[in-house]
Amino acid sequence: MDIDTPRADESASLTIVPTGRALGAEVRNIDIKRLDDRTFAAFLHAFHAHSVLLVRGQTLSDQDLIAFSRRFGELDWAPVQENGRRFVEGLPEIYIVSNVKQNGEAIGSLGSGEAVWHTDMSYLDMPPIASALYALEIPPVGGNTSFCSMYAIYDALPDELKRRIADLTIKHDGTYNSGGFVRQGVTPTDDPRTSPGAVHPLVCIHPDTGRRMLYLGRRRNAYLVGLELSQSEALLDELWTYAARPDFSWEHVWQVGDLVIWDNRCTMHRRDPFDDNSRRIMHRTQIKGTARPA
């Protein structure tokens, strides 16, 4: 598949501005609420080429965000939050990421702390295809989101290391979320061999681009199936040294009205902490997975 940046004649108004990093691009001159089929096709082309797309200056209702996200496929329902709420009343597709409390109760999930590198819901048999995050309120400092390219990380691995991991599978832990909270209904354990979670190939091929990528998910409680625990830990530590390198990532500093959508299959992301006295409210949708990573 040709995944070069779309030519100007593919959409009269669409402008793609790459970040200059290993992944990511800003899409300009569009209104997410009014994408015709031709413009959306160019948007999707850019999505496959850059893995993460930013659209600034949007004014979206939850219904607008849902309608846009559905153009990529069927949507997941939001997971249960720490406060026991599953979704916004009447809109089960909307997940709130926020530190704000009303009447002493959190309105969303993940608080104000750091969210470590992760791929969304990789502990499922069929993880989501993509996630879209829309900024309603942001803190004056902090809360930035960074993304890294699992294509670029795999490509950078030495050939000998690629051979070592070619046929390995990895268990993606389902005990903790990216904020370190125990998931609803899960009994916590720190033994990666017995923790809940799906097993996926460590090296996968993207179904739309055909590119090979490393599929790590997240570090905590990860386990390379069939290895001694000490061997698994050592090899995962080695792989994660590549994931932590800044040359494979791009950091986004949020503005109100920003919409960011990322390919959950070939990226990881993390969030900086911020002052809990500041307010941060983001609404997220996820496009449901249609196949197991392979």
C-alpha atoms as a PDB file:
ATOM      1  CA  MET A   1       0.000   0.000   0.000  1.00  0.00           C
ATOM      2  CA  ASP A   2       1.275   3.455  -0.857  1.00  0.00           C
ATOM      3  CA  ILE A   3       1.191   5.523   2.349  1.00  0.00           C
ATOM      4  CA  ASP A   4       2.885   8.698   1.150  1.00  0.00           C
ATOM      5  CA  THR A   5       1.372  12.003   2.203  1.00  0.00           C
ATOM      6  CA  PRO A   6      -1.720  12.721   0.063  1.00  0.00           C
ATOM      7  CA  ARG A   7      -1.165  14.948  -2.955  1.00  0.00           C
ATOM      8  CA  ALA A   8      -2.789  18.374  -3.028  1.00  0.00           C
ATOM      9  CA  ASP A   9      -5.291  17.268  -5.670  1.00  0.00           C
ATOM     10  CA  GLU A  10      -6.680  14.513  -3.445  1.00  0.00           C
ATOM     11  CA  SER A  11      -8.590  17.132  -1.471  1.00  0.00           C
ATOM     12  CA  ALA A  12      -8.802  20.780  -2.398  1.00  0.00           C
ATOM     13  CA  SER A  13      -8.648  22.034   1.184  1.00  0.00           C
ATOM     14  CA  LEU A  14      -6.820  19.382   3.202  1.00  0.00           C
ATOM     15  CA  THR A  15      -3.294  20.315   4.266  1.00  0.00           C
ATOM     16  CA  ILE A  16      -0.984  17.807   5.985  1.00  0.00           C
ATOM     17  CA  VAL A  17       1.943  19.214   8.002  1.00  0.00           C
ATOM     18  CA  PRO A  18       4.233  16.463   9.355  1.00  0.00           C
ATOM     19  CA  THR A  19       5.767  17.021  12.779  1.00  0.00           C
ATOM     20  CA  GLY A  20       9.269  16.234  11.495  1.00  0.00           C
ATOM     21  CA  ARG A  21       9.509  13.501  14.124  1.00  0.00           C
ATOM     22  CA  ALA A  22       9.214   9.722  13.763  1.00  0.00           C
ATOM     23  CA  LEU A  23       5.428  10.028  13.588  1.00  0.00           C
ATOM     24  CA  GLY A  24       2.588  12.524  13.685  1.00  0.00           C
ATOM     25  CA  ALA A  25       1.167  15.270  11.480  1.00  0.00           C
ATOM     26  CA  GLU A  26      -1.201  18.222  11.821  1.00  0.00           C
ATOM     27  CA  VAL A  27      -4.213  18.337   9.510  1.00  0.00           C
ATOM     28  CA  ARG A  28      -5.249  21.883   8.632  1.00  0.00           C
ATOM     29  CA  ASN A  29      -8.148  23.532   6.809  1.00  0.00           C
ATOM     30  CA  ILE A  30     -10.831  21.069   7.812  1.00  0.00           C
ATOM     31  CA  ASP A  31     -13.882  21.044  10.032  1.00  0.00           C
ATOM     32  CA  ILE A  32     -14.288  17.625  11.578  1.00  0.00           C
ATOM     33  CA  LYS A  33     -18.078  18.076  11.598  1.00  0.00           C
ATOM     34  CA  ARG A  34     -18.195  18.560   7.822  1.00  0.00           C
ATOM     35  CA  LEU A  35     -15.885  16.013   6.222  1.00  0.00           C
ATOM     36  CA  ASP A  36     -17.117  14.811   2.844  1.00  0.00           C
ATOM     37  CA  ASP A  37     -16.154  11.338   1.681  1.00  0.00           C
ATOM     38  CA  ARG A  38     -13.294  12.539  -0.513  1.00  0.00           C
ATOM     39  CA  THR A  39     -11.732  14.588   2.267  1.00  0.00           C
ATOM     40  CA  PHE A  40     -12.155  11.784   4.773  1.00  0.00           C
ATOM     41  CA  ALA A  41     -10.417   9.391   2.365  1.00  0.00           C
ATOM     42  CA  ALA A  42      -7.434  11.766   2.276  1.00  0.00           C
ATOM     43  CA  PHE A  43      -7.585  12.057   6.077  1.00  0.00           C
ATOM     44  CA  LEU A  44      -7.522   8.269   6.419  1.00  0.00           C
ATOM     45  CA  HIS A  45      -4.599   8.076   3.987  1.00  0.00           C
ATOM     46  CA  ALA A  46      -2.684  10.544   6.159  1.00  0.00           C
ATOM     47  CA  PHE A  47      -3.633   8.571   9.268  1.00  0.00           C
ATOM     48  CA  HIS A  48      -1.989   5.452   7.872  1.00  0.00           C
ATOM     49  CA  ALA A  49       1.051   7.428   6.754  1.00  0.00           C
ATOM     50  CA  HIS A  50       1.681   9.289  10.026  1.00  0.00           C
ATOM     51  CA  SER A  51       0.014   7.096  12.707  1.00  0.00           C
ATOM     52  CA  VAL A  52      -1.078  10.153  14.752  1.00  0.00           C
ATOM     53  CA  LEU A  53      -3.071  13.129  13.439  1.00  0.00           C
ATOM     54  CA  LEU A  54      -3.762  16.447  15.173  1.00  0.00           C
ATOM     55  CA  VAL A  55      -6.626  18.764  14.211  1.00  0.00           C
ATOM     56  CA  ARG A  56      -6.711  22.084  16.054  1.00  0.00           C
ATOM     57  CA  GLY A  57      -9.473  24.611  16.633  1.00  0.00           C
ATOM     58  CA  GLN A  58     -12.426  22.242  16.638  1.00  0.00           C
ATOM     59  CA  THR A  59     -15.745  22.871  18.406  1.00  0.00           C
ATOM     60  CA  LEU A  60     -17.255  19.453  18.938  1.00  0.00           C
ATOM     61  CA  SER A  61     -20.180  18.118  20.906  1.00  0.00           C
ATOM     62  CA  ASP A  62     -19.995  14.544  22.158  1.00  0.00           C
ATOM     63  CA  GLN A  63     -22.319  13.599  19.309  1.00  0.00           C
ATOM     64  CA  ASP A  64     -19.910  15.220  16.817  1.00  0.00           C
ATOM     65  CA  LEU A  65     -16.971  13.296  18.274  1.00  0.00           C
ATOM     66  CA  ILE A  66     -18.920  10.045  18.085  1.00  0.00           C
ATOM     67  CA  ALA A  67     -20.034  10.689  14.492  1.00  0.00           C
ATOM     68  CA  PHE A  68     -16.473  11.435  13.357  1.00  0.00           C
ATOM     69  CA  SER A  69     -15.047   8.406  15.158  1.00  0.00           C
ATOM     70  CA  ARG A  70     -17.646   6.090  13.632  1.00  0.00           C
ATOM     71  CA  ARG A  71     -16.243   6.822  10.188  1.00  0.00           C
ATOM     72  CA  PHE A  72     -13.279   4.642  11.187  1.00  0.00           C
ATOM     73  CA  GLY A  73     -15.477   1.764  12.355  1.00  0.00           C
ATOM     74  CA  GLU A  74     -17.747   0.561  15.134  1.00  0.00           C
ATOM     75  CA  LEU A  75     -17.018   2.125  18.533  1.00  0.00           C
ATOM     76  CA  ASP A  76     -16.218   0.501  21.852  1.00  0.00           C
ATOM     77  CA  TRP A  77     -18.223   1.399  24.898  1.00  0.00           C
ATOM     78  CA  ALA A  78     -16.208   3.258  27.492  1.00  0.00           C
ATOM     79  CA  PRO A  79     -14.637   1.099  30.222  1.00  0.00           C
ATOM     80  CA  VAL A  80     -15.739   1.354  33.823  1.00  0.00           C
ATOM     81  CA  GLN A  81     -13.993   4.233  35.588  1.00  0.00           C
ATOM     82  CA  GLU A  82     -12.498   4.179  39.080  1.00  0.00           C
ATOM     83  CA  ASN A  83     -15.637   5.825  40.440  1.00  0.00           C
ATOM     84  CA  GLY A  84     -17.748   2.938  39.159  1.00  0.00           C
ATOM     85  CA  ARG A  85     -19.392   4.905  36.330  1.00  0.00           C
ATOM     86  CA  ARG A  86     -19.279   3.192  32.977  1.00  0.00           C
ATOM     87  CA  PHE A  87     -20.165   6.013  30.608  1.00  0.00           C
ATOM     88  CA  VAL A  88     -21.667   9.439  30.115  1.00  0.00           C
ATOM     89  CA  GLU A  89     -25.425   9.181  30.588  1.00  0.00           C
ATOM     90  CA  GLY A  90     -26.948   8.213  27.251  1.00  0.00           C
ATOM     91  CA  LEU A  91     -23.590   8.200  25.435  1.00  0.00           C
ATOM     92  CA  PRO A  92     -21.772   4.950  26.278  1.00  0.00           C
ATOM     93  CA  GLU A  93     -19.106   5.635  23.622  1.00  0.00           C
ATOM     94  CA  ILE A  94     -17.667   8.623  25.526  1.00  0.00           C
ATOM     95  CA  TYR A  95     -14.893   8.061  28.066  1.00  0.00           C
ATOM     96  CA  ILE A  96     -13.901  11.027  30.239  1.00  0.00           C
ATOM     97  CA  VAL A  97     -10.232  11.516  31.092  1.00  0.00           C
ATOM     98  CA  SER A  98     -10.132  14.083  33.873  1.00  0.00           C
ATOM     99  CA  ASN A  99      -8.915  14.984  37.366  1.00  0.00           C
ATOM    100  CA  VAL A 100     -11.950  17.180  38.074  1.00  0.00           C
ATOM    101  CA  LYS A 101     -14.253  16.357  40.978  1.00  0.00           C
ATOM    102  CA  GLN A 102     -17.843  17.468  41.427  1.00  0.00           C
ATOM    103  CA  ASN A 103     -19.412  17.137  44.873  1.00  0.00           C
ATOM    104  CA  GLY A 104     -16.359  15.149  45.917  1.00  0.00           C
ATOM    105  CA  GLU A 105     -16.715  12.600  43.109  1.00  0.00           C
ATOM    106  CA  ALA A 106     -14.395  12.265  40.121  1.00  0.00           C
ATOM    107  CA  ILE A 107     -16.153  12.977  36.840  1.00  0.00           C
ATOM    108  CA  GLY A 108     -13.589  10.964  34.875  1.00  0.00           C
ATOM    109  CA  SER A 109     -10.560   8.725  35.046  1.00  0.00           C
ATOM    110  CA  LEU A 110      -6.751   8.752  35.375  1.00  0.00           C
ATOM    111  CA  GLY A 111      -6.453  11.768  37.667  1.00  0.00           C
ATOM    112  CA  SER A 112      -3.493  14.160  37.376  1.00  0.00           C
ATOM    113  CA  GLY A 113      -0.571  11.763  37.683  1.00  0.00           C
ATOM    114  CA  GLU A 114       1.736  10.397  35.023  1.00  0.00           C
ATOM    115  CA  ALA A 115       0.283   7.875  32.587  1.00  0.00           C
ATOM    116  CA  VAL A 116       3.163   5.611  31.557  1.00  0.00           C
ATOM    117  CA  TRP A 117       3.888   4.385  28.033  1.00  0.00           C
ATOM    118  CA  HIS A 118       1.135   2.063  26.862  1.00  0.00           C
ATOM    119  CA  THR A 119      -1.081   0.879  24.028  1.00  0.00           C
ATOM    120  CA  ASP A 120      -4.774   1.179  24.832  1.00  0.00           C
ATOM    121  CA  MET A 121      -6.406  -2.035  26.033  1.00  0.00           C
ATOM    122  CA  SER A 122      -3.790  -4.365  24.585  1.00  0.00           C
ATOM    123  CA  TYR A 123      -4.829  -6.848  27.288  1.00  0.00           C
ATOM    124  CA  LEU A 124      -7.930  -7.642  25.177  1.00  0.00           C
ATOM    125  CA  ASP A 125      -8.005 -10.349  22.513  1.00  0.00           C
ATOM    126  CA  MET A 126      -8.962  -7.675  19.961  1.00  0.00           C
ATOM    127  CA  PRO A 127      -7.586  -4.303  21.107  1.00  0.00           C
ATOM    128  CA  PRO A 128      -9.070  -1.100  19.659  1.00  0.00           C
ATOM    129  CA  ILE A 129      -7.941   0.054  16.226  1.00  0.00           C
ATOM    130  CA  ALA A 130      -7.619   3.700  17.206  1.00  0.00           C
ATOM    131  CA  SER A 131      -8.392   6.251  19.910  1.00  0.00           C
ATOM    132  CA  ALA A 132      -9.553   9.842  19.497  1.00  0.00           C
ATOM    133  CA  LEU A 133      -9.051  12.406  22.278  1.00  0.00           C
ATOM    134  CA  TYR A 134     -10.656  15.852  22.333  1.00  0.00           C
ATOM    135  CA  ALA A 135      -9.525  18.657  24.668  1.00  0.00           C
ATOM    136  CA  LEU A 136     -12.252  20.589  26.527  1.00  0.00           C
ATOM    137  CA  GLU A 137     -10.153  22.028  29.389  1.00  0.00           C
ATOM    138  CA  ILE A 138      -6.384  21.881  29.830  1.00  0.00           C
ATOM    139  CA  PRO A 139      -3.995  22.887  32.638  1.00  0.00           C
ATOM    140  CA  PRO A 140      -1.672  25.859  32.084  1.00  0.00           C
ATOM    141  CA  VAL A 141       1.364  23.556  32.416  1.00  0.00           C
ATOM    142  CA  GLY A 142       1.779  19.794  32.105  1.00  0.00           C
ATOM    143  CA  GLY A 143      -0.528  17.077  30.890  1.00  0.00           C
ATOM    144  CA  ASN A 144       1.304  16.848  27.553  1.00  0.00           C
ATOM    145  CA  THR A 145       0.843  13.613  25.612  1.00  0.00           C
ATOM    146  CA  SER A 146       3.734  11.882  23.861  1.00  0.00           C
ATOM    147  CA  PHE A 147       3.474   9.247  21.151  1.00  0.00           C
ATOM    148  CA  CYS A 148       6.103   6.808  19.895  1.00  0.00           C
ATOM    149  CA  SER A 149       6.302   4.840  16.652  1.00  0.00           C
ATOM    150  CA  MET A 150       6.446   1.080  17.053  1.00  0.00           C
ATOM    151  CA  TYR A 151       7.453   0.893  13.381  1.00  0.00           C
ATOM    152  CA  ALA A 152      10.529   3.024  14.011  1.00  0.00           C
ATOM    153  CA  ILE A 153      11.401   1.157  17.197  1.00  0.00           C
ATOM    154  CA  TYR A 154      11.262  -2.211  15.432  1.00  0.00           C
ATOM    155  CA  ASP A 155      13.287  -0.908  12.490  1.00  0.00           C
ATOM    156  CA  ALA A 156      16.004   0.306  14.889  1.00  0.00           C
ATOM    157  CA  LEU A 157      16.510  -3.064  16.554  1.00  0.00           C
ATOM    158  CA  PRO A 158      19.756  -4.870  15.673  1.00  0.00           C
ATOM    159  CA  ASP A 159      19.266  -7.819  13.316  1.00  0.00           C
ATOM    160  CA  GLU A 160      20.358 -10.291  15.989  1.00  0.00           C
ATOM    161  CA  LEU A 161      17.727  -8.963  18.392  1.00  0.00           C
ATOM    162  CA  LYS A 162      15.078  -9.128  15.646  1.00  0.00           C
ATOM    163  CA  ARG A 163      15.940 -12.796  15.153  1.00  0.00           C
ATOM    164  CA  ARG A 164      15.671 -13.480  18.906  1.00  0.00           C
ATOM    165  CA  ILE A 165      12.174 -12.022  19.173  1.00  0.00           C
ATOM    166  CA  ALA A 166      10.748 -13.052  15.798  1.00  0.00           C
ATOM    167  CA  ASP A 167       8.609 -15.919  17.086  1.00  0.00           C
ATOM    168  CA  LEU A 168       7.956 -14.809  20.660  1.00  0.00           C
ATOM    169  CA  THR A 169       4.571 -13.998  22.134  1.00  0.00           C
ATOM    170  CA  ILE A 170       3.885 -11.526  24.934  1.00  0.00           C
ATOM    171  CA  LYS A 171       1.175 -11.528  27.585  1.00  0.00           C
ATOM    172  CA  HIS A 172      -0.365  -8.084  28.033  1.00  0.00           C
ATOM    173  CA  ASP A 173      -1.356  -7.571  31.646  1.00  0.00           C
ATOM    174  CA  GLY A 174      -4.955  -6.648  32.428  1.00  0.00           C
ATOM    175  CA  THR A 175      -4.457  -5.928  36.133  1.00  0.00           C
ATOM    176  CA  TYR A 176      -3.568  -2.236  36.066  1.00  0.00           C
ATOM    177  CA  ASN A 177      -4.489   0.694  33.828  1.00  0.00           C
ATOM    178  CA  SER A 178      -1.985   3.269  32.579  1.00  0.00           C
ATOM    179  CA  GLY A 179      -2.515   5.424  35.672  1.00  0.00           C
ATOM    180  CA  GLY A 180      -1.548   2.527  37.936  1.00  0.00           C
ATOM    181  CA  PHE A 181      -5.104   1.826  39.152  1.00  0.00           C
ATOM    182  CA  VAL A 182      -6.389  -1.743  39.503  1.00  0.00           C
ATOM    183  CA  ARG A 183      -9.067  -2.386  36.889  1.00  0.00           C
ATOM    184  CA  GLN A 184     -12.650  -2.930  37.971  1.00  0.00           C
ATOM    185  CA  GLY A 185     -13.359  -6.518  39.004  1.00  0.00           C
ATOM    186  CA  VAL A 186      -9.690  -7.636  38.918  1.00  0.00           C
ATOM    187  CA  THR A 187      -7.835  -9.166  41.863  1.00  0.00           C
ATOM    188  CA  PRO A 188      -4.408  -7.497  41.849  1.00  0.00           C
ATOM    189  CA  THR A 189      -1.289  -9.578  41.300  1.00  0.00           C
ATOM    190  CA  ASP A 190       2.285  -8.713  40.412  1.00  0.00           C
ATOM    191  CA  ASP A 191       3.190 -12.147  39.046  1.00  0.00           C
ATOM    192  CA  PRO A 192       3.109 -11.678  35.252  1.00  0.00           C
ATOM    193  CA  ARG A 193       2.834 -15.424  34.694  1.00  0.00           C
ATOM    194  CA  THR A 194      -0.528 -15.636  36.471  1.00  0.00           C
ATOM    195  CA  SER A 195      -2.013 -12.164  35.898  1.00  0.00           C
ATOM    196  CA  PRO A 196      -4.993 -11.814  33.539  1.00  0.00           C
ATOM    197  CA  GLY A 197      -4.437 -10.644  29.986  1.00  0.00           C
ATOM    198  CA  ALA A 198      -4.284 -11.591  26.314  1.00  0.00           C
ATOM    199  CA  VAL A 199      -1.294 -13.139  24.540  1.00  0.00           C
ATOM    200  CA  HIS A 200      -0.201 -11.521  21.259  1.00  0.00           C
ATOM    201  CA  PRO A 201       2.809 -11.818  18.931  1.00  0.00           C
ATOM    202  CA  LEU A 202       5.685  -9.597  20.016  1.00  0.00           C
ATOM    203  CA  VAL A 203       6.291  -8.633  16.383  1.00  0.00           C
ATOM    204  CA  CYS A 204       3.187  -7.889  14.304  1.00  0.00           C
ATOM    205  CA  ILE A 205       2.391  -6.757  10.770  1.00  0.00           C
ATOM    206  CA  HIS A 206       0.018  -3.826  10.436  1.00  0.00           C
ATOM    207  CA  PRO A 207      -3.083  -4.993   8.521  1.00  0.00           C
ATOM    208  CA  ASP A 208      -3.457  -1.741   6.546  1.00  0.00           C
ATOM    209  CA  THR A 209       0.131  -0.678   5.837  1.00  0.00           C
ATOM    210  CA  GLY A 210       1.879  -4.064   5.766  1.00  0.00           C
ATOM    211  CA  ARG A 211       4.683  -2.668   7.937  1.00  0.00           C
ATOM    212  CA  ARG A 212       6.323  -4.701  10.675  1.00  0.00           C
ATOM    213  CA  MET A 213       6.155  -3.314  14.224  1.00  0.00           C
ATOM    214  CA  LEU A 214       7.004  -4.152  17.819  1.00  0.00           C
ATOM    215  CA  TYR A 215       3.918  -4.727  19.979  1.00  0.00           C
ATOM    216  CA  LEU A 216       4.872  -4.125  23.615  1.00  0.00           C
ATOM    217  CA  GLY A 217       1.611  -2.829  25.102  1.00  0.00           C
ATOM    218  CA  ARG A 218       2.959  -1.716  28.481  1.00  0.00           C
ATOM    219  CA  ARG A 219       5.827  -2.732  30.750  1.00  0.00           C
ATOM    220  CA  ARG A 220       4.192  -3.582  34.080  1.00  0.00           C
ATOM    221  CA  ASN A 221       3.459  -7.291  34.452  1.00  0.00           C
ATOM    222  CA  ALA A 222       4.347  -8.041  30.827  1.00  0.00           C
ATOM    223  CA  TYR A 223       5.633 -11.559  30.209  1.00  0.00           C
ATOM    224  CA  LEU A 224       7.278 -13.287  27.249  1.00  0.00           C
ATOM    225  CA  VAL A 225       5.510 -16.626  27.149  1.00  0.00           C
ATOM    226  CA  GLY A 226       7.657 -19.732  27.530  1.00  0.00           C
ATOM    227  CA  LEU A 227      10.719 -17.988  28.950  1.00  0.00           C
ATOM    228  CA  GLU A 228      11.985 -18.155  32.492  1.00  0.00           C
ATOM    229  CA  LEU A 229      10.747 -15.081  34.324  1.00  0.00           C
ATOM    230  CA  SER A 230      14.273 -13.723  34.690  1.00  0.00           C
ATOM    231  CA  GLN A 231      14.894 -14.184  30.939  1.00  0.00           C
ATOM    232  CA  SER A 232      11.606 -12.497  30.090  1.00  0.00           C
ATOM    233  CA  GLU A 233      12.362  -9.545  32.345  1.00  0.00           C
ATOM    234  CA  ALA A 234      15.855  -9.090  30.924  1.00  0.00           C
ATOM    235  CA  LEU A 235      14.714  -9.210  27.301  1.00  0.00           C
ATOM    236  CA  LEU A 236      11.788  -6.871  27.920  1.00  0.00           C
ATOM    237  CA  ASP A 237      14.089  -4.422  29.697  1.00  0.00           C
ATOM    238  CA  GLU A 238      16.360  -4.477  26.642  1.00  0.00           C
ATOM    239  CA  LEU A 239      13.465  -3.802  24.262  1.00  0.00           C
ATOM    240  CA  TRP A 240      12.092  -1.012  26.421  1.00  0.00           C
ATOM    241  CA  THR A 241      15.403   0.871  26.243  1.00  0.00           C
ATOM    242  CA  TYR A 242      14.543   1.460  22.580  1.00  0.00           C
ATOM    243  CA  ALA A 243      10.968   2.507  23.371  1.00  0.00           C
ATOM    244  CA  ALA A 244      12.273   5.157  25.780  1.00  0.00           C
ATOM    245  CA  ARG A 245      14.484   6.863  23.173  1.00  0.00           C
ATOM    246  CA  PRO A 246      13.228  10.359  22.285  1.00  0.00           C
ATOM    247  CA  ASP A 247      14.119  10.035  18.597  1.00  0.00           C
ATOM    248  CA  PHE A 248      11.168   7.653  18.161  1.00  0.00           C
ATOM    249  CA  SER A 249       8.580   9.954  19.740  1.00  0.00           C
ATOM    250  CA  TRP A 250       6.663  13.212  19.386  1.00  0.00           C
ATOM    251  CA  GLU A 251       5.268  15.281  22.271  1.00  0.00           C
ATOM    252  CA  HIS A 252       1.987  17.148  21.874  1.00  0.00           C
ATOM    253  CA  VAL A 253       1.269  20.274  23.941  1.00  0.00           C
ATOM    254  CA  TRP A 254      -2.510  20.543  24.125  1.00  0.00           C
ATOM    255  CA  GLN A 255      -4.742  23.490  23.349  1.00  0.00           C
ATOM    256  CA  VAL A 256      -8.496  23.632  23.952  1.00  0.00           C
ATOM    257  CA  GLY A 257     -10.242  22.442  20.783  1.00  0.00           C
ATOM    258  CA  ASP A 258      -7.490  20.001  19.820  1.00  0.00           C
ATOM    259  CA  LEU A 259      -8.544  16.623  18.480  1.00  0.00           C
ATOM    260  CA  VAL A 260      -5.873  13.928  18.279  1.00  0.00           C
ATOM    261  CA  ILE A 261      -6.494  10.503  16.794  1.00  0.00           C
ATOM    262  CA  TRP A 262      -3.841   7.796  16.905  1.00  0.00           C
ATOM    263  CA  ASP A 263      -3.426   4.330  15.465  1.00  0.00           C
ATOM    264  CA  ASN A 264      -3.476   2.128  18.531  1.00  0.00           C
ATOM    265  CA  ARG A 265      -1.889  -0.782  16.679  1.00  0.00           C
ATOM    266  CA  CYS A 266       1.456   0.825  15.812  1.00  0.00           C
ATOM    267  CA  THR A 267       1.951   3.464  18.519  1.00  0.00           C
ATOM    268  CA  MET A 268       2.301   3.819  22.255  1.00  0.00           C
ATOM    269  CA  HIS A 269       1.548   6.968  24.221  1.00  0.00           C
ATOM    270  CA  ARG A 270       2.112   8.479  27.657  1.00  0.00           C
ATOM    271  CA  ARG A 271       1.008  11.572  29.593  1.00  0.00           C
ATOM    272  CA  ASP A 272       2.956  13.994  31.762  1.00  0.00           C
ATOM    273  CA  PRO A 273       1.627  14.688  35.264  1.00  0.00           C
ATOM    274  CA  PHE A 274       0.176  18.111  36.091  1.00  0.00           C
ATOM    275  CA  ASP A 275      -0.934  20.141  39.130  1.00  0.00           C
ATOM    276  CA  ASP A 276      -4.037  18.529  40.573  1.00  0.00           C
ATOM    277  CA  ASN A 277      -5.370  21.981  41.440  1.00  0.00           C
ATOM    278  CA  SER A 278      -5.632  22.646  37.695  1.00  0.00           C
ATOM    279  CA  ARG A 279      -8.505  21.306  35.619  1.00  0.00           C
ATOM    280  CA  ARG A 280      -8.093  18.921  32.705  1.00  0.00           C
ATOM    281  CA  ILE A 281     -11.124  17.499  30.882  1.00  0.00           C
ATOM    282  CA  MET A 282     -10.731  15.356  27.773  1.00  0.00           C
ATOM    283  CA  HIS A 283     -13.355  13.223  26.026  1.00  0.00           C
ATOM    284  CA  ARG A 284     -12.236  10.055  24.277  1.00  0.00           C
ATOM    285  CA  THR A 285     -13.685   7.526  21.864  1.00  0.00           C
ATOM    286  CA  GLN A 286     -12.204   4.245  20.699  1.00  0.00           C
ATOM    287  CA  ILE A 287     -12.665   2.404  17.421  1.00  0.00           C
ATOM    288  CA  LYS A 288     -13.360  -1.249  18.132  1.00  0.00           C
ATOM    289  CA  GLY A 289     -10.848  -3.859  17.070  1.00  0.00           C
ATOM    290  CA  THR A 290     -11.833  -6.251  14.312  1.00  0.00           C
ATOM    291  CA  ALA A 291      -8.952  -8.754  14.434  1.00  0.00           C
ATOM    292  CA  ARG A 292      -6.309 -10.036  16.798  1.00  0.00           C
ATOM    293  CA  PRO A 293      -2.803  -8.574  16.392  1.00  0.00           C
ATOM    294  CA  ALA A 294      -0.833 -10.830  14.056  1.00  0.00           C
END
